[in-house]
Protein backbone atom coordinates (compact mmCIF):
# COMPACT_ATOMS: atom_id res chain seq x y z
CA MET A 1 30.96 3.83 21.40
CA GLU A 2 31.84 2.76 17.83
CA LEU A 3 33.46 6.06 17.22
CA GLN A 4 35.73 5.67 20.23
CA GLN A 5 36.58 2.16 19.13
CA LYS A 6 37.71 3.53 15.74
CA PHE A 7 39.65 6.28 17.42
CA GLN A 8 41.37 3.71 19.62
CA ARG A 9 42.15 1.59 16.59
CA LEU A 10 43.70 4.63 14.91
CA LYS A 11 46.05 5.15 17.81
CA GLU A 12 47.00 1.43 17.83
CA ILE A 13 47.81 1.62 14.13
CA LEU A 14 50.13 4.60 14.78
CA ILE A 15 51.86 2.90 17.67
CA GLU A 16 52.39 -0.19 15.58
CA ALA A 17 53.88 2.05 12.77
CA GLY A 18 56.33 3.56 15.22
CA SER A 19 57.35 6.74 13.29
CA GLY A 20 56.70 8.61 10.17
CA ALA A 21 56.29 11.67 8.01
CA VAL A 22 52.75 12.94 7.44
CA ALA A 23 52.01 14.29 3.91
CA PHE A 24 50.38 17.42 5.40
CA SER A 25 48.14 19.81 3.42
CA GLY A 26 46.44 21.55 6.31
CA GLY A 27 43.05 20.12 5.39
CA VAL A 28 40.61 18.50 7.73
CA ASP A 29 41.94 14.97 7.39
CA SER A 30 45.72 15.47 7.40
CA THR A 31 45.46 18.01 10.28
CA PHE A 32 43.48 15.50 12.39
CA LEU A 33 45.97 12.67 11.53
CA LEU A 34 48.99 14.97 12.31
CA LYS A 35 47.60 16.00 15.71
CA VAL A 36 46.76 12.48 16.79
CA ALA A 37 50.00 11.01 15.46
CA HIS A 38 52.02 13.64 17.35
CA ASP A 39 50.03 13.04 20.52
CA VAL A 40 50.76 9.31 20.27
CA LEU A 41 54.35 9.33 18.87
CA GLY A 42 55.76 12.74 19.79
CA ASP A 43 58.91 13.75 18.01
CA LYS A 44 58.81 10.58 15.94
CA ILE A 45 56.33 12.43 13.70
CA VAL A 46 57.05 15.27 11.29
CA ALA A 47 54.78 17.18 8.93
CA VAL A 48 55.83 17.58 5.24
CA THR A 49 53.98 20.13 3.20
CA ALA A 50 54.50 20.42 -0.61
CA ARG A 51 54.30 23.82 -2.28
CA SER A 52 53.23 24.22 -5.82
CA SER A 53 51.08 26.35 -8.14
CA THR A 54 48.15 24.03 -7.45
CA TYR A 55 48.29 24.73 -3.67
CA PRO A 56 46.95 28.22 -2.67
CA GLU A 57 49.03 30.55 -0.51
CA ARG A 58 46.07 30.73 1.88
CA GLU A 59 46.15 27.02 2.52
CA TYR A 60 49.93 26.95 3.01
CA ASN A 61 49.74 29.77 5.56
CA GLU A 62 47.00 27.95 7.52
CA ALA A 63 49.06 24.76 7.45
CA LYS A 64 52.02 26.59 8.98
CA GLU A 65 49.81 27.92 11.77
CA TYR A 66 48.38 24.54 12.66
CA VAL A 67 51.80 22.86 12.87
CA LYS A 68 53.00 25.75 15.06
CA GLN A 69 50.08 25.18 17.40
CA PHE A 70 50.71 21.44 17.65
CA GLY A 71 54.48 21.91 18.18
CA VAL A 72 55.33 19.56 15.32
CA LYS A 73 58.52 19.75 13.17
CA HIS A 74 57.50 21.10 9.79
CA ILE A 75 59.37 20.55 6.60
CA THR A 76 58.31 22.39 3.38
CA ILE A 77 59.29 20.92 0.01
CA ILE A 78 58.65 21.99 -3.65
CA SER A 79 56.62 19.46 -5.71
CA GLU A 80 55.63 21.38 -8.97
CA GLU A 81 53.14 19.10 -10.60
CA LEU A 82 53.16 21.05 -13.89
CA GLU A 83 56.73 19.91 -14.41
CA ILE A 84 55.72 16.30 -14.31
CA GLU A 85 55.50 14.86 -17.79
CA GLY A 86 51.83 14.37 -18.80
CA PHE A 87 50.29 16.21 -15.85
CA SER A 88 49.43 19.44 -17.46
CA LYS A 89 47.52 17.65 -20.18
CA ASN A 90 45.07 16.70 -17.35
CA PRO A 91 44.46 13.06 -18.02
CA VAL A 92 41.89 11.13 -16.14
CA ASN A 93 44.59 9.63 -13.88
CA ARG A 94 46.20 13.07 -13.29
CA CYS A 95 46.24 12.52 -9.50
CA TYR A 96 48.32 9.37 -9.96
CA PHE A 97 51.24 11.47 -11.43
CA CYS A 98 50.88 14.09 -8.68
CA LYS A 99 50.71 11.63 -5.73
CA THR A 100 53.60 9.60 -7.02
CA GLU A 101 55.75 12.65 -7.08
CA LEU A 102 54.54 13.86 -3.71
CA PHE A 103 54.95 10.55 -1.88
CA SER A 104 58.40 9.88 -3.31
CA LYS A 105 59.59 13.30 -2.09
CA VAL A 106 58.01 12.86 1.35
CA ARG A 107 59.72 9.39 1.53
CA GLU A 108 63.05 11.18 0.90
CA GLU A 109 62.46 13.51 3.84
CA ALA A 110 61.40 10.54 6.04
CA ASN A 111 64.57 8.67 5.15
CA LYS A 112 66.72 11.63 6.02
CA LEU A 113 65.32 11.63 9.50
CA ASN A 114 65.29 7.80 9.85
CA LEU A 115 61.53 7.71 10.07
CA LYS A 116 59.99 4.37 9.11
CA ASN A 117 56.87 5.39 7.28
CA VAL A 118 54.98 7.90 5.10
CA PHE A 119 51.38 8.60 6.19
CA ASP A 120 48.57 10.23 4.25
CA GLY A 121 45.12 11.52 5.31
CA SER A 122 42.96 9.27 3.00
CA ASN A 123 39.81 8.26 4.94
CA PHE A 124 37.27 5.43 4.71
CA ASP A 125 34.81 7.49 2.54
CA ASP A 126 37.58 7.93 -0.13
CA LEU A 127 37.06 4.34 -1.09
CA GLY A 128 33.75 5.29 -2.58
CA ASP A 129 35.12 7.91 -5.06
CA PHE A 130 37.42 7.84 -8.02
CA ARG A 131 40.89 8.38 -6.46
CA PRO A 132 43.80 7.52 -8.84
CA GLY A 133 46.15 8.78 -6.07
CA MET A 134 45.43 5.72 -3.98
CA LYS A 135 47.17 3.61 -6.57
CA ALA A 136 50.25 5.83 -6.18
CA ALA A 137 49.98 5.51 -2.42
CA LYS A 138 49.91 1.73 -2.58
CA GLU A 139 52.85 1.59 -4.93
CA GLN A 140 54.86 3.97 -2.70
CA GLY A 141 54.09 1.92 0.41
CA VAL A 142 52.24 4.84 2.09
CA ILE A 143 50.16 4.02 5.18
CA SER A 144 46.63 5.51 5.45
CA PRO A 145 45.81 5.18 9.15
CA LEU A 146 42.43 6.91 8.92
CA LYS A 147 41.29 4.56 6.22
CA GLN A 148 42.60 1.50 8.06
CA ALA A 149 40.72 2.59 11.17
CA LYS A 150 37.56 2.95 9.02
CA LEU A 151 37.11 6.64 10.06
CA THR A 152 34.72 8.46 7.75
CA LYS A 153 34.76 12.17 6.97
CA ALA A 154 31.96 12.75 9.54
CA ASP A 155 33.84 10.74 12.17
CA ILE A 156 37.03 12.82 11.58
CA ARG A 157 35.15 16.11 11.94
CA GLU A 158 33.38 14.84 15.16
CA LEU A 159 36.65 13.77 16.73
CA SER A 160 38.34 16.90 15.65
CA LYS A 161 35.69 18.98 17.44
CA MET A 162 36.15 16.85 20.55
CA LEU A 163 39.93 17.45 20.44
CA ASN A 164 39.55 21.18 19.80
CA ILE A 165 41.36 20.84 16.44
CA PRO A 166 40.66 24.12 14.56
CA THR A 167 39.82 22.34 11.28
CA TRP A 168 36.86 20.47 12.60
CA ASN A 169 34.47 22.64 10.63
CA LYS A 170 36.94 23.80 7.86
CA PRO A 171 35.38 23.53 4.36
CA ALA A 172 36.60 20.56 2.26
CA PHE A 173 39.47 21.43 -0.05
CA ALA A 174 41.14 19.76 -2.99
CA CYS A 175 44.07 20.94 -5.13
CA LEU A 176 43.27 23.57 -7.71
CA SER A 177 43.98 21.10 -10.52
CA SER A 178 40.55 19.50 -9.70
CA ARG A 179 38.84 22.62 -11.07
CA PHE A 180 39.47 21.68 -14.77
CA PRO A 181 37.55 19.19 -16.92
CA TYR A 182 39.74 16.21 -17.84
CA GLY A 183 41.66 16.87 -21.04
CA ASN A 184 41.64 20.67 -20.64
CA GLU A 185 45.26 21.78 -20.29
CA ILE A 186 46.29 23.08 -16.85
CA THR A 187 48.64 26.14 -16.80
CA VAL A 188 49.99 28.47 -14.12
CA GLU A 189 47.84 31.33 -15.54
CA LYS A 190 44.63 29.25 -15.32
CA LEU A 191 45.40 28.09 -11.81
CA SER A 192 46.01 31.71 -10.79
CA MET A 193 42.58 32.67 -12.19
CA VAL A 194 40.89 29.97 -10.15
CA GLU A 195 42.70 30.88 -6.97
CA LYS A 196 41.89 34.59 -7.31
CA ALA A 197 38.22 33.87 -8.12
CA GLU A 198 37.72 31.46 -5.26
CA GLN A 199 39.53 33.91 -2.81
CA PHE A 200 37.17 36.72 -3.95
CA LEU A 201 34.12 34.50 -3.12
CA MET A 202 35.62 33.63 0.29
CA ASP A 203 36.15 37.27 1.03
CA LEU A 204 32.43 37.73 0.24
CA GLY A 205 31.65 35.18 3.02
CA PHE A 206 31.11 32.03 0.99
CA ARG A 207 32.86 29.03 2.69
CA GLN A 208 32.34 25.72 0.74
CA LEU A 209 32.80 26.48 -2.86
CA ARG A 210 34.57 25.73 -6.09
CA VAL A 211 35.19 27.75 -9.18
CA ARG A 212 35.41 25.27 -12.10
CA HIS A 213 37.43 26.45 -15.08
CA HIS A 214 35.71 25.73 -18.44
CA ASP A 215 38.03 27.76 -20.76
CA GLU A 216 36.23 31.06 -21.06
CA ILE A 217 33.50 30.09 -18.59
CA ALA A 218 33.68 30.02 -14.79
CA ARG A 219 31.17 27.66 -13.20
CA ILE A 220 30.64 28.55 -9.62
CA GLU A 221 29.68 25.84 -7.15
CA VAL A 222 28.64 26.97 -3.67
CA ALA A 223 27.02 25.01 -0.78
CA PRO A 224 23.41 24.16 -1.67
CA GLU A 225 22.10 26.36 1.17
CA ASP A 226 24.11 29.28 -0.25
CA ARG A 227 22.68 29.25 -3.69
CA SER A 228 19.93 31.64 -2.85
CA LYS A 229 22.48 34.39 -1.95
CA PHE A 230 22.91 34.90 -5.71
CA PHE A 231 19.32 35.97 -6.00
CA ASP A 232 20.72 39.46 -5.50
CA LEU A 233 21.47 41.66 -8.53
CA GLU A 234 24.10 43.70 -6.75
CA LEU A 235 25.98 40.57 -5.73
CA MET A 236 25.69 39.09 -9.25
CA ASP A 237 27.05 42.29 -10.74
CA LYS A 238 29.94 42.38 -8.35
CA VAL A 239 30.88 38.78 -8.89
CA GLY A 240 30.51 39.09 -12.68
CA LYS A 241 32.64 42.27 -12.82
CA GLU A 242 35.41 40.67 -10.69
CA PHE A 243 35.56 37.41 -12.54
CA LYS A 244 35.81 39.22 -15.90
CA SER A 245 38.64 41.31 -14.58
CA ILE A 246 40.35 38.00 -13.57
CA GLY A 247 40.05 36.73 -17.14
CA PHE A 248 36.79 34.87 -17.55
CA LYS A 249 34.45 35.96 -20.39
CA TYR A 250 31.30 34.26 -18.89
CA VAL A 251 30.25 33.57 -15.35
CA THR A 252 27.73 30.95 -14.40
CA LEU A 253 26.25 29.44 -11.22
CA ASP A 254 25.88 25.62 -10.97
CA ILE A 255 22.25 25.35 -9.89
CA ILE A 256 22.88 21.98 -8.10
CA GLY A 257 25.59 23.47 -6.01
CA TYR A 258 28.87 22.18 -4.60
CA ARG A 259 29.47 18.45 -4.41
CA THR A 260 32.67 16.42 -4.12
CA GLY A 261 34.19 15.30 -7.41
CA SER A 262 31.79 16.95 -9.76
CA MET A 263 34.34 16.67 -12.58
CA ASN A 264 34.16 12.93 -12.16
CA GLU A 265 30.44 12.87 -13.00
CA VAL A 266 31.29 12.58 -16.84
CA LEU A 267 33.58 9.61 -16.46
CA SER A 268 32.51 6.07 -17.55
CA GLU A 269 33.05 3.15 -15.28
CA LYS A 270 35.82 1.98 -17.61
CA GLU A 271 37.64 5.33 -17.22
CA LYS A 272 37.49 4.99 -13.49
CA THR A 273 39.58 1.87 -13.62
CA ILE A 274 42.58 3.68 -15.14
């Protein structure tokens, strides 16, 4: 009953907003938001997807398919984060620069179509993590309907399954910039290494994963239940050989496994206030 109340509240928030452009990545949250917003507001909703070197081709192709299924107008823009001053140095508040750029460009598209708002897919659980992008969203006047309706990640997956939205069980994804320790420079070449390495693991059947780029070292995070798959000499040899061909000198497995925001574990509470 509580879940249905949250869902109803989400629809009320969208109705009150009237119209908008959804910053759409094709992930679990923004796909759910786009589907519900379109169901409620029809052609008063458009999807805006930003392409950049931090956004894998795989994710973009999936985003296009989802929009096509929903029958939503889709706009693609270029938002190359590496061109933003200070971004490539990978500061602790890196996401602030990225989201400021993104939301300002989505706002431009919304204005062109006389749409009142910009929506993003932040959810209620995001309040518990270090998210510099939320500051940018607030400054840009972005509305976060899922967060306002107090919908958690689990809620969104459950409702997505009920609505037959294909992303209901899609692995969590974050932009490729999140694979680098803060302070380590981000380049197009390094981003390409990460994308190729992660795609290789996906092709092997791994779903929830990250390949963290520590200069010469690749640190592989897979779902905790998948760690035992690496107790296979043939698989280890195959992964090691491929990762070295991609450009890594050393290949490691994180024995704890995948968890959201592992790069934030080294931050002090003071740094999280930046």
